[in-house]
């Protein structure tokens, strides 16, 4: 996960995505990995994919308020 954050901060989104997906596979309840994956999708203009990531994360980590906030933000961008 930490490698994903480092790549994310340097702008290497493909490496960041790869590390976040690996973290998510190893620990599906890690809401932060889902959140970062959603942000990557959202920044690429793929709102439907971002929403799916946020919802997937919420299923595993229902108490993660950042995921809920990101989901609401993405839905608002879509006009929903």
C-alpha atoms as a PDB file:
ATOM      1  CA  UNK A   1       0.000   0.000   0.000  1.00  0.00           C
ATOM      2  CA  UNK A   2       2.726   2.463   0.958  1.00  0.00           C
ATOM      3  CA  UNK A   3       4.483   1.946  -2.371  1.00  0.00           C
ATOM      4  CA  UNK A   4       1.207   2.781  -4.073  1.00  0.00           C
ATOM      5  CA  UNK A   5       0.973   6.034  -2.133  1.00  0.00           C
ATOM      6  CA  UNK A   6       4.555   6.915  -3.081  1.00  0.00           C
ATOM      7  CA  UNK A   7       3.874   6.292  -6.770  1.00  0.00           C
ATOM      8  CA  UNK A   8       0.585   8.198  -6.546  1.00  0.00           C
ATOM      9  CA  UNK A   9       2.337  11.230  -5.077  1.00  0.00           C
ATOM     10  CA  UNK A  10       4.970  11.197  -7.809  1.00  0.00           C
ATOM     11  CA  UNK A  11       2.295  10.967 -10.500  1.00  0.00           C
ATOM     12  CA  UNK A  12       3.049   7.405 -11.620  1.00  0.00           C
ATOM     13  CA  UNK A  13      -0.577   6.298 -11.712  1.00  0.00           C
ATOM     14  CA  UNK A  14      -0.048   2.953 -13.454  1.00  0.00           C
ATOM     15  CA  UNK A  15       2.435   1.804 -10.798  1.00  0.00           C
ATOM     16  CA  UNK A  16       0.251   3.244  -8.053  1.00  0.00           C
ATOM     17  CA  UNK A  17      -2.752   1.383  -9.384  1.00  0.00           C
ATOM     18  CA  UNK A  18      -0.810  -1.871  -9.539  1.00  0.00           C
ATOM     19  CA  UNK A  19       0.319  -1.538  -5.902  1.00  0.00           C
ATOM     20  CA  UNK A  20      -3.138  -0.547  -4.655  1.00  0.00           C
ATOM     21  CA  UNK A  21      -4.736  -3.498  -6.441  1.00  0.00           C
ATOM     22  CA  UNK A  22      -2.182  -5.837  -4.867  1.00  0.00           C
ATOM     23  CA  UNK A  23      -2.866  -4.333  -1.431  1.00  0.00           C
ATOM     24  CA  UNK A  24      -6.592  -4.739  -2.022  1.00  0.00           C
ATOM     25  CA  UNK A  25      -6.128  -8.413  -2.940  1.00  0.00           C
ATOM     26  CA  UNK A  26      -4.043  -9.060   0.173  1.00  0.00           C
ATOM     27  CA  UNK A  27      -6.325  -7.120   2.498  1.00  0.00           C
ATOM     28  CA  UNK A  28      -9.748  -6.469   0.924  1.00  0.00           C
ATOM     29  CA  UNK A  29     -10.961  -4.531   3.975  1.00  0.00           C
ATOM     30  CA  UNK A  30      -8.270  -1.863   3.425  1.00  0.00           C
ATOM     31  CA  UNK A  31     -10.606   0.958   2.475  1.00  0.00           C
ATOM     32  CA  UNK A  32      -7.778   3.342   1.665  1.00  0.00           C
ATOM     33  CA  UNK A  33      -6.649   1.146  -1.252  1.00  0.00           C
ATOM     34  CA  UNK A  34     -10.174   1.219  -2.681  1.00  0.00           C
ATOM     35  CA  UNK A  35     -10.255   4.981  -2.175  1.00  0.00           C
ATOM     36  CA  UNK A  36      -7.014   5.586  -4.055  1.00  0.00           C
ATOM     37  CA  UNK A  37      -8.119   3.288  -6.870  1.00  0.00           C
ATOM     38  CA  UNK A  38     -11.339   5.268  -7.145  1.00  0.00           C
ATOM     39  CA  UNK A  39      -9.456   8.553  -7.202  1.00  0.00           C
ATOM     40  CA  UNK A  40      -7.218   7.267  -9.998  1.00  0.00           C
ATOM     41  CA  UNK A  41     -10.301   6.292 -12.009  1.00  0.00           C
ATOM     42  CA  UNK A  42     -11.995   9.599 -11.288  1.00  0.00           C
ATOM     43  CA  UNK A  43      -8.964  11.640 -12.346  1.00  0.00           C
ATOM     44  CA  UNK A  44      -8.873   9.673 -15.599  1.00  0.00           C
ATOM     45  CA  UNK A  45     -12.475  10.703 -16.247  1.00  0.00           C
ATOM     46  CA  UNK A  46     -13.922   7.251 -15.636  1.00  0.00           C
ATOM     47  CA  UNK A  47     -16.613   8.184 -13.126  1.00  0.00           C
ATOM     48  CA  UNK A  48     -18.520   4.911 -13.424  1.00  0.00           C
ATOM     49  CA  UNK A  49     -15.365   2.955 -12.595  1.00  0.00           C
ATOM     50  CA  UNK A  50     -14.600   5.304  -9.703  1.00  0.00           C
ATOM     51  CA  UNK A  51     -18.096   4.855  -8.298  1.00  0.00           C
ATOM     52  CA  UNK A  52     -17.725   1.087  -8.574  1.00  0.00           C
ATOM     53  CA  UNK A  53     -14.409   1.246  -6.681  1.00  0.00           C
ATOM     54  CA  UNK A  54     -15.896   3.415  -3.941  1.00  0.00           C
ATOM     55  CA  UNK A  55     -18.905   1.131  -3.580  1.00  0.00           C
ATOM     56  CA  UNK A  56     -16.681  -1.949  -3.530  1.00  0.00           C
ATOM     57  CA  UNK A  57     -14.615  -0.389  -0.774  1.00  0.00           C
ATOM     58  CA  UNK A  58     -17.689   0.530   1.241  1.00  0.00           C
ATOM     59  CA  UNK A  59     -18.848  -3.085   1.086  1.00  0.00           C
ATOM     60  CA  UNK A  60     -15.583  -4.118   2.749  1.00  0.00           C
ATOM     61  CA  UNK A  61     -15.063  -1.098   5.032  1.00  0.00           C
ATOM     62  CA  UNK A  62     -18.471   0.370   5.881  1.00  0.00           C
ATOM     63  CA  UNK A  63     -17.101   2.801   8.468  1.00  0.00           C
ATOM     64  CA  UNK A  64     -14.654   4.534   6.096  1.00  0.00           C
ATOM     65  CA  UNK A  65     -16.051   8.042   5.862  1.00  0.00           C
ATOM     66  CA  UNK A  66     -13.574   9.064   3.154  1.00  0.00           C
ATOM     67  CA  UNK A  67     -14.997   6.384   0.868  1.00  0.00           C
ATOM     68  CA  UNK A  68     -18.532   7.587   1.563  1.00  0.00           C
ATOM     69  CA  UNK A  69     -17.509  11.182   0.852  1.00  0.00           C
ATOM     70  CA  UNK A  70     -15.745  10.207  -2.374  1.00  0.00           C
ATOM     71  CA  UNK A  71     -18.796   8.226  -3.487  1.00  0.00           C
ATOM     72  CA  UNK A  72     -21.108  11.155  -2.831  1.00  0.00           C
ATOM     73  CA  UNK A  73     -18.745  13.505  -4.683  1.00  0.00           C
ATOM     74  CA  UNK A  74     -18.522  11.237  -7.716  1.00  0.00           C
ATOM     75  CA  UNK A  75     -22.292  10.766  -7.803  1.00  0.00           C
ATOM     76  CA  UNK A  76     -22.777  14.534  -7.651  1.00  0.00           C
ATOM     77  CA  UNK A  77     -20.384  14.970 -10.573  1.00  0.00           C
ATOM     78  CA  UNK A  78     -22.619  12.597 -12.526  1.00  0.00           C
ATOM     79  CA  UNK A  79     -25.672  14.634 -11.529  1.00  0.00           C
ATOM     80  CA  UNK A  80     -27.098  11.895  -9.316  1.00  0.00           C
END
